[in-house]
PDB file of N, CA and C in Angstrom:
ATOM      1  N   UNK A   1       1.958   2.596 -15.661  1.00  0.00           N
ATOM      2  CA  UNK A   1       0.744   3.181 -14.356  1.00  0.00           C
ATOM      3  C   UNK A   1       1.091   4.002 -14.158  1.00  0.00           C
ATOM      4  N   UNK A   2       1.516   4.224 -13.164  1.00  0.00           N
ATOM      5  CA  UNK A   2       2.649   5.056 -12.535  1.00  0.00           C
ATOM      6  C   UNK A   2       2.537   6.332 -13.077  1.00  0.00           C
ATOM      7  N   UNK A   3       3.153   6.735 -14.012  1.00  0.00           N
ATOM      8  CA  UNK A   3       3.183   7.678 -14.336  1.00  0.00           C
ATOM      9  C   UNK A   3       1.540   8.574 -14.880  1.00  0.00           C
ATOM     10  N   UNK A   4       0.855   7.524 -15.554  1.00  0.00           N
ATOM     11  CA  UNK A   4      -1.111   8.197 -15.199  1.00  0.00           C
ATOM     12  C   UNK A   4      -1.370   8.359 -14.100  1.00  0.00           C
ATOM     13  N   UNK A   5      -1.305   7.746 -13.528  1.00  0.00           N
ATOM     14  CA  UNK A   5      -1.565   7.640 -12.043  1.00  0.00           C
ATOM     15  C   UNK A   5      -1.050   8.879 -10.999  1.00  0.00           C
ATOM     16  N   UNK A   6       0.156  10.123 -11.432  1.00  0.00           N
ATOM     17  CA  UNK A   6       0.854  10.418 -10.534  1.00  0.00           C
ATOM     18  C   UNK A   6       1.811  10.033 -10.096  1.00  0.00           C
ATOM     19  N   UNK A   7       1.956   9.079  -9.400  1.00  0.00           N
ATOM     20  CA  UNK A   7       2.940   8.542  -8.197  1.00  0.00           C
ATOM     21  C   UNK A   7       3.911   8.016  -8.950  1.00  0.00           C
ATOM     22  N   UNK A   8       4.961   7.277  -7.612  1.00  0.00           N
ATOM     23  CA  UNK A   8       5.889   6.599  -8.188  1.00  0.00           C
ATOM     24  C   UNK A   8       6.119   5.532  -7.126  1.00  0.00           C
ATOM     25  N   UNK A   9       5.917   4.286  -7.992  1.00  0.00           N
ATOM     26  CA  UNK A   9       6.031   3.307  -6.736  1.00  0.00           C
ATOM     27  C   UNK A   9       7.548   2.545  -6.952  1.00  0.00           C
ATOM     28  N   UNK A  10       7.899   2.450  -8.356  1.00  0.00           N
ATOM     29  CA  UNK A  10       9.878   2.081  -8.188  1.00  0.00           C
ATOM     30  C   UNK A  10       9.919   3.273  -9.300  1.00  0.00           C
ATOM     31  N   UNK A  11      10.965   4.041  -8.339  1.00  0.00           N
ATOM     32  CA  UNK A  11      11.590   4.939  -8.347  1.00  0.00           C
ATOM     33  C   UNK A  11      12.950   4.289  -8.338  1.00  0.00           C
ATOM     34  N   UNK A  12      14.402   5.413  -8.924  1.00  0.00           N
ATOM     35  CA  UNK A  12      15.710   5.260  -9.644  1.00  0.00           C
ATOM     36  C   UNK A  12      15.929   4.849  -8.304  1.00  0.00           C
ATOM     37  N   UNK A  13      15.774   4.750  -6.699  1.00  0.00           N
ATOM     38  CA  UNK A  13      16.710   4.893  -5.491  1.00  0.00           C
ATOM     39  C   UNK A  13      16.446   2.967  -5.559  1.00  0.00           C
ATOM     40  N   UNK A  14      14.913   2.295  -6.655  1.00  0.00           N
ATOM     41  CA  UNK A  14      15.047   0.853  -6.048  1.00  0.00           C
ATOM     42  C   UNK A  14      15.556   0.483  -7.400  1.00  0.00           C
ATOM     43  N   UNK A  15      15.171   0.403  -8.603  1.00  0.00           N
ATOM     44  CA  UNK A  15      15.536   0.190  -9.980  1.00  0.00           C
ATOM     45  C   UNK A  15      14.227  -1.186  -9.613  1.00  0.00           C
ATOM     46  N   UNK A  16      14.804  -2.613 -10.287  1.00  0.00           N
ATOM     47  CA  UNK A  16      13.472  -3.149 -10.271  1.00  0.00           C
ATOM     48  C   UNK A  16      14.424  -4.126  -9.617  1.00  0.00           C
ATOM     49  N   UNK A  17      15.240  -3.977  -8.267  1.00  0.00           N
ATOM     50  CA  UNK A  17      15.654  -5.259  -7.201  1.00  0.00           C
ATOM     51  C   UNK A  17      14.595  -4.875  -6.179  1.00  0.00           C
ATOM     52  N   UNK A  18      14.586  -5.799  -5.672  1.00  0.00           N
ATOM     53  CA  UNK A  18      13.987  -6.108  -3.797  1.00  0.00           C
ATOM     54  C   UNK A  18      14.192  -4.860  -3.379  1.00  0.00           C
ATOM     55  N   UNK A  19      14.080  -4.175  -2.453  1.00  0.00           N
ATOM     56  CA  UNK A  19      14.399  -3.215  -1.257  1.00  0.00           C
ATOM     57  C   UNK A  19      14.760  -3.766  -0.364  1.00  0.00           C
ATOM     58  N   UNK A  20      15.464  -4.638   0.392  1.00  0.00           N
ATOM     59  CA  UNK A  20      15.594  -5.140   1.822  1.00  0.00           C
ATOM     60  C   UNK A  20      16.146  -3.772   2.800  1.00  0.00           C
ATOM     61  N   UNK A  21      15.032  -4.174   4.133  1.00  0.00           N
ATOM     62  CA  UNK A  21      15.700  -4.046   5.045  1.00  0.00           C
ATOM     63  C   UNK A  21      15.556  -4.856   6.353  1.00  0.00           C
ATOM     64  N   UNK A  22      16.777  -4.759   7.377  1.00  0.00           N
ATOM     65  CA  UNK A  22      15.784  -5.223   8.377  1.00  0.00           C
ATOM     66  C   UNK A  22      15.633  -4.088   9.782  1.00  0.00           C
ATOM     67  N   UNK A  23      14.454  -4.596  10.377  1.00  0.00           N
ATOM     68  CA  UNK A  23      13.568  -3.715  11.138  1.00  0.00           C
ATOM     69  C   UNK A  23      14.471  -3.450  12.193  1.00  0.00           C
ATOM     70  N   UNK A  24      14.730  -3.049  13.693  1.00  0.00           N
ATOM     71  CA  UNK A  24      13.929  -2.934  14.988  1.00  0.00           C
ATOM     72  C   UNK A  24      12.566  -3.061  15.264  1.00  0.00           C
ATOM     73  N   UNK A  25      11.952  -2.789  14.489  1.00  0.00           N
ATOM     74  CA  UNK A  25      10.708  -2.804  14.723  1.00  0.00           C
ATOM     75  C   UNK A  25       9.995  -4.129  14.145  1.00  0.00           C
ATOM     76  N   UNK A  26       9.848  -5.145  14.179  1.00  0.00           N
ATOM     77  CA  UNK A  26       9.687  -6.136  13.465  1.00  0.00           C
ATOM     78  C   UNK A  26      10.072  -7.292  14.805  1.00  0.00           C
ATOM     79  N   UNK A  27       9.254  -7.436  15.018  1.00  0.00           N
ATOM     80  CA  UNK A  27       9.030  -8.634  16.125  1.00  0.00           C
ATOM     81  C   UNK A  27       9.803  -9.914  16.272  1.00  0.00           C
ATOM     82  N   UNK A  28       9.617 -10.287  15.100  1.00  0.00           N
ATOM     83  CA  UNK A  28      10.846 -11.774  14.949  1.00  0.00           C
ATOM     84  C   UNK A  28      11.769 -10.910  14.507  1.00  0.00           C
ATOM     85  N   UNK A  29      12.328  -9.948  14.782  1.00  0.00           N
ATOM     86  CA  UNK A  29      13.896  -9.180  14.442  1.00  0.00           C
ATOM     87  C   UNK A  29      14.553  -9.985  12.908  1.00  0.00           C
ATOM     88  N   UNK A  30      13.194 -10.285  12.095  1.00  0.00           N
ATOM     89  CA  UNK A  30      13.592 -10.511  10.877  1.00  0.00           C
ATOM     90  C   UNK A  30      13.704  -9.597   9.651  1.00  0.00           C
ATOM     91  N   UNK A  31      14.309 -10.102   8.667  1.00  0.00           N
ATOM     92  CA  UNK A  31      14.423  -8.969   6.884  1.00  0.00           C
ATOM     93  C   UNK A  31      13.076  -9.233   5.763  1.00  0.00           C
ATOM     94  N   UNK A  32      12.671  -7.819   5.721  1.00  0.00           N
ATOM     95  CA  UNK A  32      11.869  -7.237   4.998  1.00  0.00           C
ATOM     96  C   UNK A  32      12.362  -7.078   3.760  1.00  0.00           C
ATOM     97  N   UNK A  33      11.392  -8.047   2.561  1.00  0.00           N
ATOM     98  CA  UNK A  33      11.478  -7.409   1.125  1.00  0.00           C
ATOM     99  C   UNK A  33      10.607  -6.788   1.147  1.00  0.00           C
ATOM    100  N   UNK A  34      10.982  -5.504  -0.275  1.00  0.00           N
ATOM    101  CA  UNK A  34       9.917  -4.718  -0.756  1.00  0.00           C
ATOM    102  C   UNK A  34      10.216  -5.148  -2.384  1.00  0.00           C
ATOM    103  N   UNK A  35       9.084  -5.032  -3.391  1.00  0.00           N
ATOM    104  CA  UNK A  35       9.071  -5.267  -4.339  1.00  0.00           C
ATOM    105  C   UNK A  35       7.602  -5.158  -5.295  1.00  0.00           C
ATOM    106  N   UNK A  36       6.925  -3.937  -5.842  1.00  0.00           N
ATOM    107  CA  UNK A  36       6.272  -3.437  -6.401  1.00  0.00           C
ATOM    108  C   UNK A  36       5.375  -4.550  -7.169  1.00  0.00           C
ATOM    109  N   UNK A  37       4.146  -5.056  -6.950  1.00  0.00           N
ATOM    110  CA  UNK A  37       3.338  -6.020  -7.710  1.00  0.00           C
ATOM    111  C   UNK A  37       3.236  -5.369  -9.089  1.00  0.00           C
ATOM    112  N   UNK A  38       3.703  -6.381 -10.071  1.00  0.00           N
ATOM    113  CA  UNK A  38       2.658  -5.871 -11.454  1.00  0.00           C
ATOM    114  C   UNK A  38       1.358  -5.463 -11.276  1.00  0.00           C
ATOM    115  N   UNK A  39       1.299  -4.217 -12.065  1.00  0.00           N
ATOM    116  CA  UNK A  39      -0.160  -3.867 -12.738  1.00  0.00           C
ATOM    117  C   UNK A  39      -1.220  -5.104 -12.620  1.00  0.00           C
ATOM    118  N   UNK A  40      -0.681  -5.510 -14.231  1.00  0.00           N
ATOM    119  CA  UNK A  40      -1.704  -7.153 -14.662  1.00  0.00           C
ATOM    120  C   UNK A  40      -1.798  -8.086 -13.428  1.00  0.00           C
ATOM    121  N   UNK A  41      -0.886  -7.707 -12.745  1.00  0.00           N
ATOM    122  CA  UNK A  41      -1.717  -8.835 -12.071  1.00  0.00           C
ATOM    123  C   UNK A  41      -2.724  -8.423 -10.410  1.00  0.00           C
ATOM    124  N   UNK A  42      -2.160  -7.324  -9.921  1.00  0.00           N
ATOM    125  CA  UNK A  42      -2.769  -6.299  -9.327  1.00  0.00           C
ATOM    126  C   UNK A  42      -4.164  -6.620 -10.148  1.00  0.00           C
ATOM    127  N   UNK A  43      -4.360  -6.299 -11.154  1.00  0.00           N
ATOM    128  CA  UNK A  43      -5.483  -5.808 -12.160  1.00  0.00           C
ATOM    129  C   UNK A  43      -6.529  -7.199 -12.410  1.00  0.00           C
ATOM    130  N   UNK A  44      -5.981  -8.522 -12.294  1.00  0.00           N
ATOM    131  CA  UNK A  44      -6.300  -9.281 -12.238  1.00  0.00           C
ATOM    132  C   UNK A  44      -6.781 -10.132 -10.672  1.00  0.00           C
ATOM    133  N   UNK A  45      -5.921 -10.033 -10.176  1.00  0.00           N
ATOM    134  CA  UNK A  45      -6.283  -9.992  -8.667  1.00  0.00           C
ATOM    135  C   UNK A  45      -7.662  -9.054  -8.044  1.00  0.00           C
ATOM    136  N   UNK A  46      -7.650  -7.971  -7.884  1.00  0.00           N
ATOM    137  CA  UNK A  46      -8.571  -6.938  -7.323  1.00  0.00           C
ATOM    138  C   UNK A  46      -9.838  -6.660  -7.945  1.00  0.00           C
ATOM    139  N   UNK A  47     -10.073  -6.429  -9.459  1.00  0.00           N
ATOM    140  CA  UNK A  47     -11.074  -6.459 -10.256  1.00  0.00           C
ATOM    141  C   UNK A  47     -11.598  -7.582  -9.872  1.00  0.00           C
ATOM    142  N   UNK A  48     -11.729  -8.764  -8.928  1.00  0.00           N
ATOM    143  CA  UNK A  48     -12.391  -9.968  -8.839  1.00  0.00           C
ATOM    144  C   UNK A  48     -13.491  -9.425  -7.254  1.00  0.00           C
ATOM    145  N   UNK A  49     -13.070  -8.497  -6.855  1.00  0.00           N
ATOM    146  CA  UNK A  49     -13.805  -8.431  -5.064  1.00  0.00           C
ATOM    147  C   UNK A  49     -14.614  -7.098  -5.650  1.00  0.00           C
ATOM    148  N   UNK A  50     -15.442  -7.664  -5.048  1.00  0.00           N
ATOM    149  CA  UNK A  50     -16.964  -6.841  -4.869  1.00  0.00           C
ATOM    150  C   UNK A  50     -16.830  -5.636  -3.426  1.00  0.00           C
ATOM    151  N   UNK A  51     -16.246  -4.560  -4.047  1.00  0.00           N
ATOM    152  CA  UNK A  51     -16.366  -3.271  -3.194  1.00  0.00           C
ATOM    153  C   UNK A  51     -17.283  -3.304  -2.938  1.00  0.00           C
ATOM    154  N   UNK A  52     -17.422  -2.044  -1.894  1.00  0.00           N
ATOM    155  CA  UNK A  52     -18.077  -1.200  -1.544  1.00  0.00           C
ATOM    156  C   UNK A  52     -18.124  -0.144  -0.082  1.00  0.00           C
ATOM    157  N   UNK A  53     -19.104   1.131  -0.598  1.00  0.00           N
ATOM    158  CA  UNK A  53     -19.013   2.299   0.166  1.00  0.00           C
ATOM    159  C   UNK A  53     -18.668   1.745   1.826  1.00  0.00           C
ATOM    160  N   UNK A  54     -18.557   1.503   2.239  1.00  0.00           N
ATOM    161  CA  UNK A  54     -19.026   0.644   3.690  1.00  0.00           C
ATOM    162  C   UNK A  54     -17.214  -0.135   4.207  1.00  0.00           C
ATOM    163  N   UNK A  55     -17.026  -0.575   3.195  1.00  0.00           N
ATOM    164  CA  UNK A  55     -15.632  -1.364   2.993  1.00  0.00           C
ATOM    165  C   UNK A  55     -14.132  -0.332   3.790  1.00  0.00           C
ATOM    166  N   UNK A  56     -14.018  -0.736   4.674  1.00  0.00           N
ATOM    167  CA  UNK A  56     -12.431  -0.493   5.192  1.00  0.00           C
ATOM    168  C   UNK A  56     -11.268  -1.320   4.469  1.00  0.00           C
ATOM    169  N   UNK A  57     -10.696  -0.564   4.249  1.00  0.00           N
ATOM    170  CA  UNK A  57      -9.848  -2.155   3.008  1.00  0.00           C
ATOM    171  C   UNK A  57      -8.833  -2.008   3.689  1.00  0.00           C
ATOM    172  N   UNK A  58      -7.425  -3.181   4.413  1.00  0.00           N
ATOM    173  CA  UNK A  58      -5.989  -3.448   4.579  1.00  0.00           C
ATOM    174  C   UNK A  58      -5.653  -3.706   3.821  1.00  0.00           C
ATOM    175  N   UNK A  59      -4.058  -3.291   3.572  1.00  0.00           N
ATOM    176  CA  UNK A  59      -3.459  -3.525   2.126  1.00  0.00           C
ATOM    177  C   UNK A  59      -1.347  -3.845   3.460  1.00  0.00           C
ATOM    178  N   UNK A  60      -1.332  -5.056   3.265  1.00  0.00           N
ATOM    179  CA  UNK A  60      -0.659  -5.597   4.581  1.00  0.00           C
ATOM    180  C   UNK A  60       0.678  -5.491   3.836  1.00  0.00           C
ATOM    181  N   UNK A  61       1.795  -4.806   4.476  1.00  0.00           N
ATOM    182  CA  UNK A  61       2.875  -4.937   3.694  1.00  0.00           C
ATOM    183  C   UNK A  61       2.661  -4.193   2.627  1.00  0.00           C
ATOM    184  N   UNK A  62       2.348  -2.703   2.604  1.00  0.00           N
ATOM    185  CA  UNK A  62       1.882  -1.891   1.749  1.00  0.00           C
ATOM    186  C   UNK A  62       2.713  -1.288   0.727  1.00  0.00           C
ATOM    187  N   UNK A  63       4.223  -1.064   1.338  1.00  0.00           N
ATOM    188  CA  UNK A  63       5.405  -0.235   0.572  1.00  0.00           C
ATOM    189  C   UNK A  63       4.940   0.671   0.465  1.00  0.00           C
ATOM    190  N   UNK A  64       5.186   1.138  -1.034  1.00  0.00           N
ATOM    191  CA  UNK A  64       5.043   2.655  -1.690  1.00  0.00           C
ATOM    192  C   UNK A  64       3.840   2.764  -1.724  1.00  0.00           C
ATOM    193  N   UNK A  65       3.104   1.755  -1.915  1.00  0.00           N
ATOM    194  CA  UNK A  65       1.377   1.926  -1.796  1.00  0.00           C
ATOM    195  C   UNK A  65       0.594   1.969  -3.536  1.00  0.00           C
ATOM    196  N   UNK A  66       1.210   1.268  -3.940  1.00  0.00           N
ATOM    197  CA  UNK A  66       0.549   0.410  -5.819  1.00  0.00           C
ATOM    198  C   UNK A  66      -0.713   0.126  -5.179  1.00  0.00           C
ATOM    199  N   UNK A  67      -0.539  -0.595  -4.168  1.00  0.00           N
ATOM    200  CA  UNK A  67      -1.995  -1.066  -3.967  1.00  0.00           C
ATOM    201  C   UNK A  67      -3.317  -0.169  -3.731  1.00  0.00           C
ATOM    202  N   UNK A  68      -2.594   0.649  -2.627  1.00  0.00           N
ATOM    203  CA  UNK A  68      -3.716   1.241  -2.141  1.00  0.00           C
ATOM    204  C   UNK A  68      -3.983   2.612  -3.035  1.00  0.00           C
ATOM    205  N   UNK A  69      -3.215   3.094  -3.659  1.00  0.00           N
ATOM    206  CA  UNK A  69      -3.395   3.820  -4.833  1.00  0.00           C
ATOM    207  C   UNK A  69      -3.952   3.682  -6.004  1.00  0.00           C
ATOM    208  N   UNK A  70      -3.779   2.391  -6.423  1.00  0.00           N
ATOM    209  CA  UNK A  70      -4.969   1.834  -7.657  1.00  0.00           C
ATOM    210  C   UNK A  70      -6.150   1.280  -6.614  1.00  0.00           C
ATOM    211  N   UNK A  71      -6.838   1.189  -5.297  1.00  0.00           N
ATOM    212  CA  UNK A  71      -7.721   1.105  -4.808  1.00  0.00           C
ATOM    213  C   UNK A  71      -8.836   2.237  -4.871  1.00  0.00           C
ATOM    214  N   UNK A  72      -7.259   3.089  -4.666  1.00  0.00           N
ATOM    215  CA  UNK A  72      -8.330   4.827  -4.401  1.00  0.00           C
ATOM    216  C   UNK A  72      -8.166   5.846  -5.719  1.00  0.00           C
ATOM    217  N   UNK A  73      -8.013   5.470  -6.435  1.00  0.00           N
ATOM    218  CA  UNK A  73      -8.056   5.517  -8.036  1.00  0.00           C
ATOM    219  C   UNK A  73      -9.786   4.873  -8.267  1.00  0.00           C
ATOM    220  N   UNK A  74      -9.494   3.946  -8.120  1.00  0.00           N
ATOM    221  CA  UNK A  74     -10.489   3.100  -8.828  1.00  0.00           C
ATOM    222  C   UNK A  74     -11.683   2.376  -8.159  1.00  0.00           C
ATOM    223  N   UNK A  75     -12.389   2.494  -7.158  1.00  0.00           N
ATOM    224  CA  UNK A  75     -12.788   2.303  -5.886  1.00  0.00           C
ATOM    225  C   UNK A  75     -12.944   3.499  -4.642  1.00  0.00           C
ATOM    226  N   UNK A  76     -14.235   3.375  -4.663  1.00  0.00           N
ATOM    227  CA  UNK A  76     -14.976   4.479  -3.862  1.00  0.00           C
ATOM    228  C   UNK A  76     -15.021   3.972  -2.489  1.00  0.00           C
ATOM    229  N   UNK A  77     -14.677   4.002  -1.404  1.00  0.00           N
ATOM    230  CA  UNK A  77     -14.810   2.703  -0.201  1.00  0.00           C
ATOM    231  C   UNK A  77     -14.972   3.595   0.976  1.00  0.00           C
ATOM    232  N   UNK A  78     -14.611   3.321   2.114  1.00  0.00           N
ATOM    233  CA  UNK A  78     -14.920   3.942   3.513  1.00  0.00           C
ATOM    234  C   UNK A  78     -13.347   4.670   3.775  1.00  0.00           C
ATOM    235  N   UNK A  79     -12.805   3.618   3.398  1.00  0.00           N
ATOM    236  CA  UNK A  79     -11.608   3.684   4.081  1.00  0.00           C
ATOM    237  C   UNK A  79     -10.368   2.577   3.625  1.00  0.00           C
ATOM    238  N   UNK A  80      -9.111   3.562   3.469  1.00  0.00           N
ATOM    239  CA  UNK A  80      -7.793   2.180   2.998  1.00  0.00           C
ATOM    240  C   UNK A  80      -7.282   2.668   4.235  1.00  0.00           C
ATOM    241  N   UNK A  81      -6.448   1.083   4.841  1.00  0.00           N
ATOM    242  CA  UNK A  81      -5.486   1.630   5.666  1.00  0.00           C
ATOM    243  C   UNK A  81      -4.556   0.990   5.163  1.00  0.00           C
ATOM    244  N   UNK A  82      -3.006   1.242   5.194  1.00  0.00           N
ATOM    245  CA  UNK A  82      -1.737   0.763   4.880  1.00  0.00           C
ATOM    246  C   UNK A  82      -1.101   0.095   5.423  1.00  0.00           C
ATOM    247  N   UNK A  83       0.071  -1.052   6.104  1.00  0.00           N
ATOM    248  CA  UNK A  83       0.238  -0.881   7.009  1.00  0.00           C
ATOM    249  C   UNK A  83       2.134  -1.360   6.447  1.00  0.00           C
ATOM    250  N   UNK A  84       2.749  -0.942   6.680  1.00  0.00           N
ATOM    251  CA  UNK A  84       3.976  -1.311   6.920  1.00  0.00           C
ATOM    252  C   UNK A  84       4.935  -0.548   7.995  1.00  0.00           C
ATOM    253  N   UNK A  85       6.352  -1.576   7.516  1.00  0.00           N
ATOM    254  CA  UNK A  85       7.081  -1.709   9.377  1.00  0.00           C
ATOM    255  C   UNK A  85       7.700  -0.716   9.035  1.00  0.00           C
ATOM    256  N   UNK A  86       7.774  -0.302   7.594  1.00  0.00           N
ATOM    257  CA  UNK A  86       8.828   0.461   6.960  1.00  0.00           C
ATOM    258  C   UNK A  86       8.948   1.758   7.608  1.00  0.00           C
ATOM    259  N   UNK A  87       9.642   3.162   8.274  1.00  0.00           N
ATOM    260  CA  UNK A  87       9.069   4.344   7.790  1.00  0.00           C
ATOM    261  C   UNK A  87       8.997   4.916   6.710  1.00  0.00           C
ATOM    262  N   UNK A  88      10.350   4.599   6.252  1.00  0.00           N
ATOM    263  CA  UNK A  88      10.556   5.184   4.972  1.00  0.00           C
ATOM    264  C   UNK A  88       9.392   4.925   3.829  1.00  0.00           C
ATOM    265  N   UNK A  89       9.006   3.505   3.517  1.00  0.00           N
ATOM    266  CA  UNK A  89       8.557   3.402   2.393  1.00  0.00           C
ATOM    267  C   UNK A  89       6.465   3.562   2.877  1.00  0.00           C
ATOM    268  N   UNK A  90       6.894   3.811   4.220  1.00  0.00           N
ATOM    269  CA  UNK A  90       5.165   4.374   4.899  1.00  0.00           C
ATOM    270  C   UNK A  90       5.083   6.081   4.503  1.00  0.00           C
ATOM    271  N   UNK A  91       6.711   6.684   4.192  1.00  0.00           N
ATOM    272  CA  UNK A  91       6.577   8.036   3.959  1.00  0.00           C
ATOM    273  C   UNK A  91       6.279   7.977   2.585  1.00  0.00           C
ATOM    274  N   UNK A  92       6.716   7.499   1.380  1.00  0.00           N
ATOM    275  CA  UNK A  92       6.419   6.990   0.166  1.00  0.00           C
ATOM    276  C   UNK A  92       5.603   6.522  -0.413  1.00  0.00           C
ATOM    277  N   UNK A  93       4.744   5.595   0.469  1.00  0.00           N
ATOM    278  CA  UNK A  93       3.114   5.790   0.206  1.00  0.00           C
ATOM    279  C   UNK A  93       2.572   6.947   0.558  1.00  0.00           C
ATOM    280  N   UNK A  94       2.803   7.686   1.215  1.00  0.00           N
ATOM    281  CA  UNK A  94       1.840   8.543   1.621  1.00  0.00           C
ATOM    282  C   UNK A  94       2.100   9.493   0.705  1.00  0.00           C
ATOM    283  N   UNK A  95       3.132   9.877  -0.094  1.00  0.00           N
ATOM    284  CA  UNK A  95       3.312  10.897  -0.431  1.00  0.00           C
ATOM    285  C   UNK A  95       2.642  10.125  -1.785  1.00  0.00           C
ATOM    286  N   UNK A  96       2.711   9.532  -2.095  1.00  0.00           N
ATOM    287  CA  UNK A  96       2.085   8.390  -3.526  1.00  0.00           C
ATOM    288  C   UNK A  96       0.179   8.502  -3.320  1.00  0.00           C
ATOM    289  N   UNK A  97      -0.080   9.202  -1.849  1.00  0.00           N
ATOM    290  CA  UNK A  97      -1.372   9.013  -2.131  1.00  0.00           C
ATOM    291  C   UNK A  97      -1.691  10.415  -2.180  1.00  0.00           C
ATOM    292  N   UNK A  98      -1.116  10.983  -1.471  1.00  0.00           N
ATOM    293  CA  UNK A  98      -1.129  12.062  -1.635  1.00  0.00           C
ATOM    294  C   UNK A  98      -1.274  13.301  -3.070  1.00  0.00           C
ATOM    295  N   UNK A  99      -0.230  12.797  -4.116  1.00  0.00           N
ATOM    296  CA  UNK A  99       0.608  13.160  -5.760  1.00  0.00           C
ATOM    297  C   UNK A  99      -1.047  12.219  -6.455  1.00  0.00           C
ATOM    298  N   UNK A 100      -1.624  11.173  -5.929  1.00  0.00           N
ATOM    299  CA  UNK A 100      -2.623  10.493  -6.352  1.00  0.00           C
ATOM    300  C   UNK A 100      -3.761  11.252  -7.437  1.00  0.00           C
ATOM    301  N   UNK A 101      -3.872  11.269  -8.765  1.00  0.00           N
ATOM    302  CA  UNK A 101      -4.543  11.525  -9.451  1.00  0.00           C
ATOM    303  C   UNK A 101      -5.961  11.837  -9.368  1.00  0.00           C
ATOM    304  N   UNK A 102      -7.355  11.872  -8.714  1.00  0.00           N
ATOM    305  CA  UNK A 102      -8.479  11.204  -9.099  1.00  0.00           C
ATOM    306  C   UNK A 102      -8.789  10.830  -7.740  1.00  0.00           C
ATOM    307  N   UNK A 103      -8.236  11.033  -6.375  1.00  0.00           N
ATOM    308  CA  UNK A 103      -8.371  10.002  -5.021  1.00  0.00           C
ATOM    309  C   UNK A 103      -9.956  10.103  -5.082  1.00  0.00           C
ATOM    310  N   UNK A 104     -10.576   8.642  -4.606  1.00  0.00           N
ATOM    311  CA  UNK A 104     -12.090   8.502  -4.876  1.00  0.00           C
ATOM    312  C   UNK A 104     -11.771   8.530  -3.091  1.00  0.00           C
ATOM    313  N   UNK A 105     -11.000   8.407  -2.239  1.00  0.00           N
ATOM    314  CA  UNK A 105     -11.033   7.584  -0.838  1.00  0.00           C
ATOM    315  C   UNK A 105     -10.435   7.776   0.284  1.00  0.00           C
ATOM    316  N   UNK A 106     -10.765   7.899   1.180  1.00  0.00           N
ATOM    317  CA  UNK A 106     -10.109   8.131   2.465  1.00  0.00           C
ATOM    318  C   UNK A 106      -8.427   7.227   2.572  1.00  0.00           C
ATOM    319  N   UNK A 107      -7.884   7.748   3.712  1.00  0.00           N
ATOM    320  CA  UNK A 107      -6.578   6.143   3.300  1.00  0.00           C
ATOM    321  C   UNK A 107      -5.986   6.991   4.930  1.00  0.00           C
ATOM    322  N   UNK A 108      -5.299   6.134   5.855  1.00  0.00           N
ATOM    323  CA  UNK A 108      -3.947   6.061   6.279  1.00  0.00           C
ATOM    324  C   UNK A 108      -2.916   5.119   6.127  1.00  0.00           C
ATOM    325  N   UNK A 109      -2.049   5.613   6.748  1.00  0.00           N
ATOM    326  CA  UNK A 109      -0.666   4.471   6.754  1.00  0.00           C
ATOM    327  C   UNK A 109      -0.805   4.483   8.123  1.00  0.00           C
ATOM    328  N   UNK A 110      -0.160   3.506   8.820  1.00  0.00           N
ATOM    329  CA  UNK A 110       0.343   3.149   9.481  1.00  0.00           C
ATOM    330  C   UNK A 110       2.059   2.583   9.339  1.00  0.00           C
ATOM    331  N   UNK A 111       2.785   2.833  10.687  1.00  0.00           N
ATOM    332  CA  UNK A 111       4.160   2.414   9.924  1.00  0.00           C
ATOM    333  C   UNK A 111       4.097   1.496  11.695  1.00  0.00           C
ATOM    334  N   UNK A 112       4.027   0.145  11.220  1.00  0.00           N
ATOM    335  CA  UNK A 112       3.722  -0.536  12.697  1.00  0.00           C
ATOM    336  C   UNK A 112       4.630  -1.884  12.010  1.00  0.00           C
ATOM    337  N   UNK A 113       4.230  -2.754  12.571  1.00  0.00           N
ATOM    338  CA  UNK A 113       4.789  -4.043  12.839  1.00  0.00           C
ATOM    339  C   UNK A 113       3.282  -5.288  12.628  1.00  0.00           C
ATOM    340  N   UNK A 114       2.665  -5.841  11.743  1.00  0.00           N
ATOM    341  CA  UNK A 114       1.579  -6.235  10.944  1.00  0.00           C
ATOM    342  C   UNK A 114       0.727  -7.340  12.238  1.00  0.00           C
ATOM    343  N   UNK A 115       2.144  -8.025  12.853  1.00  0.00           N
ATOM    344  CA  UNK A 115       2.014  -8.388  14.179  1.00  0.00           C
ATOM    345  C   UNK A 115       1.391  -8.156  15.482  1.00  0.00           C
ATOM    346  N   UNK A 116       1.465  -6.795  15.153  1.00  0.00           N
ATOM    347  CA  UNK A 116       1.466  -5.652  16.325  1.00  0.00           C
ATOM    348  C   UNK A 116      -0.705  -4.655  16.505  1.00  0.00           C
ATOM    349  N   UNK A 117      -0.653  -4.617  14.728  1.00  0.00           N
ATOM    350  CA  UNK A 117      -1.597  -4.368  14.261  1.00  0.00           C
ATOM    351  C   UNK A 117      -3.409  -4.013  15.236  1.00  0.00           C
ATOM    352  N   UNK A 118      -4.371  -2.983  14.734  1.00  0.00           N
ATOM    353  CA  UNK A 118      -5.142  -4.017  14.682  1.00  0.00           C
ATOM    354  C   UNK A 118      -6.342  -3.432  13.540  1.00  0.00           C
ATOM    355  N   UNK A 119      -7.127  -4.920  13.578  1.00  0.00           N
ATOM    356  CA  UNK A 119      -7.682  -4.846  12.444  1.00  0.00           C
ATOM    357  C   UNK A 119      -8.980  -4.900  12.376  1.00  0.00           C
ATOM    358  N   UNK A 120     -10.035  -4.516  13.842  1.00  0.00           N
ATOM    359  CA  UNK A 120     -11.221  -4.534  14.397  1.00  0.00           C
ATOM    360  C   UNK A 120     -11.940  -3.850  13.348  1.00  0.00           C
ATOM    361  N   UNK A 121     -11.698  -2.470  12.281  1.00  0.00           N
ATOM    362  CA  UNK A 121     -12.228  -1.810  11.165  1.00  0.00           C
ATOM    363  C   UNK A 121     -11.970  -2.912   9.976  1.00  0.00           C
ATOM    364  N   UNK A 122     -11.798  -3.390   9.949  1.00  0.00           N
ATOM    365  CA  UNK A 122     -11.379  -3.260   8.408  1.00  0.00           C
ATOM    366  C   UNK A 122     -12.307  -4.441   7.820  1.00  0.00           C
ATOM    367  N   UNK A 123     -13.164  -4.570   6.512  1.00  0.00           N
ATOM    368  CA  UNK A 123     -13.791  -6.136   6.273  1.00  0.00           C
ATOM    369  C   UNK A 123     -12.941  -6.252   5.068  1.00  0.00           C
ATOM    370  N   UNK A 124     -11.924  -6.079   4.606  1.00  0.00           N
ATOM    371  CA  UNK A 124     -11.093  -6.684   3.470  1.00  0.00           C
ATOM    372  C   UNK A 124      -9.891  -6.981   3.919  1.00  0.00           C
TER     373      UNK A 124
END
């Protein structure tokens, strides 16, 4: 599916292993793991949500942006906001959203500890 969407959420640099970091940005100084959600699970979960054009959707721990790209490709919503503590993964998510074919909505990526993010404008 990555190939169809024109993105790369599992590249050779990650393989099929978890990408693990320990971040100084973490409020609790804990380690963070990253692995992409399989598209089959993603579709089963997200296809049951009733999105509308006014929704602002948060993806907490957005990683390389797979969920954001899926939503941006399939749904027209007001805004998608990805939050990740890893600057590297945030940059990859941004690059994927830029490359995404047929993106239907706007987005922003915030590189921040999810404990410190502002969720006031979120609806989902």
